[in-house]
Amino acid sequence: MRQEEIQIHTEFIKLQDLLKFAGAVGTGGQAKELIQAGQVLVNGEVCTMRGKKLRPGDRAQVADQLVLTVR
């Protein structure tokens, strides 16, 4: 499983934007499908909200392949 830290310079980043920024998906449509299919965990729990606000310290896991930690 690949792990990455994503540095943000704002108060938060939306989940779908984090996935696009990290290169986990190519488009917002792909992010929407992945999230709505229950393939994304936020802080260990399934999250189906594309607009979920992630703040420094939060973690997103994509389909047992990639873990993103927001810094």
N, C-alpha and C. Protein backbone atom coordinates (compact mmCIF):
# COMPACT_ATOMS: atom_id res chain seq x y z
N MET A 1 0.85 -1.18 0.00
CA MET A 1 0.00 0.00 0.00
C MET A 1 0.89 1.24 0.00
N ARG A 2 0.61 2.15 -0.88
CA ARG A 2 1.38 3.39 -1.00
C ARG A 2 0.83 4.43 -0.03
N GLN A 3 1.73 5.20 0.58
CA GLN A 3 1.33 6.25 1.51
C GLN A 3 1.95 7.56 1.06
N GLU A 4 1.16 8.63 1.13
CA GLU A 4 1.64 9.96 0.76
C GLU A 4 1.14 11.00 1.77
N GLU A 5 1.93 12.03 1.96
CA GLU A 5 1.49 13.17 2.76
C GLU A 5 1.21 14.31 1.79
N ILE A 6 0.08 14.94 1.98
CA ILE A 6 -0.33 16.05 1.13
C ILE A 6 -0.34 17.32 1.98
N GLN A 7 0.48 18.27 1.60
CA GLN A 7 0.58 19.55 2.33
C GLN A 7 -0.46 20.51 1.77
N ILE A 8 -1.29 21.07 2.65
CA ILE A 8 -2.25 22.09 2.20
C ILE A 8 -1.91 23.40 2.90
N HIS A 9 -2.29 24.48 2.26
CA HIS A 9 -2.01 25.81 2.80
C HIS A 9 -3.30 26.58 3.07
N THR A 10 -4.38 25.82 3.18
CA THR A 10 -5.68 26.38 3.50
C THR A 10 -6.21 25.67 4.74
N GLU A 11 -7.36 26.09 5.22
CA GLU A 11 -7.94 25.48 6.42
C GLU A 11 -8.35 24.03 6.18
N PHE A 12 -8.85 23.74 4.97
CA PHE A 12 -9.32 22.39 4.63
C PHE A 12 -9.22 22.16 3.13
N ILE A 13 -9.39 20.88 2.74
CA ILE A 13 -9.50 20.51 1.33
C ILE A 13 -10.65 19.52 1.23
N LYS A 14 -11.47 19.63 0.19
CA LYS A 14 -12.58 18.70 0.02
C LYS A 14 -12.04 17.36 -0.45
N LEU A 15 -12.71 16.30 -0.05
CA LEU A 15 -12.26 14.95 -0.35
C LEU A 15 -12.05 14.73 -1.84
N GLN A 16 -13.00 15.12 -2.67
CA GLN A 16 -12.84 14.89 -4.10
C GLN A 16 -11.65 15.67 -4.66
N ASP A 17 -11.39 16.85 -4.13
CA ASP A 17 -10.25 17.64 -4.57
C ASP A 17 -8.93 17.02 -4.12
N LEU A 18 -8.92 16.43 -2.94
CA LEU A 18 -7.73 15.75 -2.45
C LEU A 18 -7.38 14.57 -3.35
N LEU A 19 -8.39 13.80 -3.74
CA LEU A 19 -8.15 12.65 -4.60
C LEU A 19 -7.60 13.07 -5.96
N LYS A 20 -8.13 14.16 -6.51
CA LYS A 20 -7.63 14.67 -7.79
C LYS A 20 -6.22 15.21 -7.64
N PHE A 21 -5.97 16.00 -6.60
CA PHE A 21 -4.66 16.62 -6.37
C PHE A 21 -3.58 15.55 -6.20
N ALA A 22 -3.90 14.47 -5.51
CA ALA A 22 -2.93 13.42 -5.24
C ALA A 22 -2.73 12.49 -6.44
N GLY A 23 -3.58 12.62 -7.44
CA GLY A 23 -3.46 11.78 -8.63
C GLY A 23 -4.12 10.41 -8.47
N ALA A 24 -4.93 10.25 -7.43
CA ALA A 24 -5.63 8.98 -7.23
C ALA A 24 -6.72 8.78 -8.28
N VAL A 25 -7.25 9.87 -8.79
CA VAL A 25 -8.24 9.85 -9.87
C VAL A 25 -7.88 10.96 -10.86
N GLY A 26 -8.40 10.84 -12.07
CA GLY A 26 -8.09 11.84 -13.09
C GLY A 26 -9.11 12.95 -13.17
N THR A 27 -10.36 12.64 -12.82
CA THR A 27 -11.43 13.63 -12.95
C THR A 27 -12.33 13.62 -11.73
N GLY A 28 -13.14 14.67 -11.64
CA GLY A 28 -14.11 14.75 -10.55
C GLY A 28 -15.15 13.65 -10.65
N GLY A 29 -15.49 13.26 -11.89
CA GLY A 29 -16.45 12.18 -12.09
C GLY A 29 -15.94 10.85 -11.55
N GLN A 30 -14.65 10.59 -11.77
CA GLN A 30 -14.05 9.37 -11.24
C GLN A 30 -14.03 9.40 -9.71
N ALA A 31 -13.74 10.57 -9.16
CA ALA A 31 -13.75 10.71 -7.70
C ALA A 31 -15.15 10.43 -7.16
N LYS A 32 -16.15 10.99 -7.81
CA LYS A 32 -17.54 10.80 -7.39
C LYS A 32 -17.91 9.31 -7.37
N GLU A 33 -17.57 8.60 -8.44
CA GLU A 33 -17.89 7.18 -8.52
C GLU A 33 -17.20 6.38 -7.43
N LEU A 34 -15.92 6.65 -7.22
CA LEU A 34 -15.14 5.93 -6.21
C LEU A 34 -15.70 6.17 -4.81
N ILE A 35 -16.01 7.43 -4.51
CA ILE A 35 -16.53 7.79 -3.19
C ILE A 35 -17.91 7.19 -2.97
N GLN A 36 -18.81 7.33 -3.96
CA GLN A 36 -20.17 6.81 -3.80
C GLN A 36 -20.22 5.29 -3.75
N ALA A 37 -19.19 4.62 -4.29
CA ALA A 37 -19.12 3.16 -4.24
C ALA A 37 -18.62 2.66 -2.89
N GLY A 38 -18.27 3.58 -1.99
CA GLY A 38 -17.80 3.19 -0.67
C GLY A 38 -16.35 2.73 -0.66
N GLN A 39 -15.57 3.13 -1.66
CA GLN A 39 -14.18 2.70 -1.78
C GLN A 39 -13.20 3.64 -1.09
N VAL A 40 -13.71 4.68 -0.41
CA VAL A 40 -12.84 5.65 0.25
C VAL A 40 -13.16 5.70 1.74
N LEU A 41 -12.12 5.56 2.55
CA LEU A 41 -12.26 5.68 4.00
C LEU A 41 -11.64 7.00 4.44
N VAL A 42 -12.31 7.70 5.35
CA VAL A 42 -11.75 8.91 5.95
C VAL A 42 -11.63 8.63 7.43
N ASN A 43 -10.40 8.70 7.92
CA ASN A 43 -10.11 8.41 9.32
C ASN A 43 -10.68 7.06 9.75
N GLY A 44 -10.57 6.07 8.84
CA GLY A 44 -10.96 4.70 9.15
C GLY A 44 -12.41 4.35 8.93
N GLU A 45 -13.23 5.30 8.48
CA GLU A 45 -14.65 5.03 8.27
C GLU A 45 -15.03 5.34 6.82
N VAL A 46 -15.94 4.53 6.25
CA VAL A 46 -16.40 4.76 4.89
C VAL A 46 -17.03 6.14 4.82
N CYS A 47 -16.65 6.89 3.78
CA CYS A 47 -17.21 8.23 3.58
C CYS A 47 -17.79 8.31 2.18
N THR A 48 -19.05 8.70 2.08
CA THR A 48 -19.71 8.82 0.78
C THR A 48 -20.00 10.27 0.42
N MET A 49 -19.38 11.21 1.13
CA MET A 49 -19.59 12.64 0.87
C MET A 49 -18.40 13.21 0.10
N ARG A 50 -18.63 13.58 -1.16
CA ARG A 50 -17.55 14.14 -1.98
C ARG A 50 -17.00 15.43 -1.39
N GLY A 51 -17.85 16.21 -0.77
CA GLY A 51 -17.47 17.51 -0.25
C GLY A 51 -16.97 17.47 1.19
N LYS A 52 -16.71 16.28 1.71
CA LYS A 52 -16.21 16.15 3.09
C LYS A 52 -14.94 17.00 3.25
N LYS A 53 -14.91 17.83 4.26
CA LYS A 53 -13.77 18.71 4.49
C LYS A 53 -12.71 17.97 5.30
N LEU A 54 -11.52 17.88 4.74
CA LEU A 54 -10.40 17.25 5.42
C LEU A 54 -9.44 18.33 5.88
N ARG A 55 -9.03 18.20 7.12
CA ARG A 55 -8.12 19.18 7.72
C ARG A 55 -6.80 18.49 8.06
N PRO A 56 -5.76 19.27 8.34
CA PRO A 56 -4.48 18.65 8.71
C PRO A 56 -4.67 17.61 9.82
N GLY A 57 -4.05 16.45 9.60
CA GLY A 57 -4.17 15.34 10.53
C GLY A 57 -5.14 14.28 10.07
N ASP A 58 -6.04 14.62 9.14
CA ASP A 58 -7.00 13.64 8.62
C ASP A 58 -6.31 12.72 7.63
N ARG A 59 -6.88 11.49 7.51
CA ARG A 59 -6.33 10.51 6.57
C ARG A 59 -7.43 9.98 5.68
N ALA A 60 -7.12 9.80 4.41
CA ALA A 60 -8.04 9.18 3.46
C ALA A 60 -7.37 7.95 2.88
N GLN A 61 -8.12 6.86 2.82
CA GLN A 61 -7.60 5.62 2.24
C GLN A 61 -8.44 5.27 1.03
N VAL A 62 -7.77 4.99 -0.08
CA VAL A 62 -8.46 4.71 -1.34
C VAL A 62 -8.30 3.24 -1.68
N ALA A 63 -9.38 2.49 -1.60
CA ALA A 63 -9.46 1.10 -2.06
C ALA A 63 -8.24 0.24 -1.73
N ASP A 64 -7.77 0.27 -0.52
CA ASP A 64 -6.64 -0.56 -0.07
C ASP A 64 -5.38 -0.36 -0.91
N GLN A 65 -5.27 0.76 -1.62
CA GLN A 65 -4.11 0.99 -2.48
C GLN A 65 -3.30 2.20 -2.07
N LEU A 66 -3.95 3.21 -1.53
CA LEU A 66 -3.28 4.49 -1.28
C LEU A 66 -3.82 5.11 0.00
N VAL A 67 -2.91 5.58 0.85
CA VAL A 67 -3.29 6.30 2.06
C VAL A 67 -2.74 7.71 1.93
N LEU A 68 -3.63 8.69 2.06
CA LEU A 68 -3.25 10.09 1.97
C LEU A 68 -3.41 10.74 3.35
N THR A 69 -2.37 11.36 3.84
CA THR A 69 -2.44 12.08 5.11
C THR A 69 -2.32 13.56 4.81
N VAL A 70 -3.27 14.34 5.30
CA VAL A 70 -3.28 15.78 5.09
C VAL A 70 -2.39 16.44 6.14
N ARG A 71 -1.50 17.29 5.69
CA ARG A 71 -0.60 18.04 6.59
C ARG A 71 -0.79 19.52 6.38
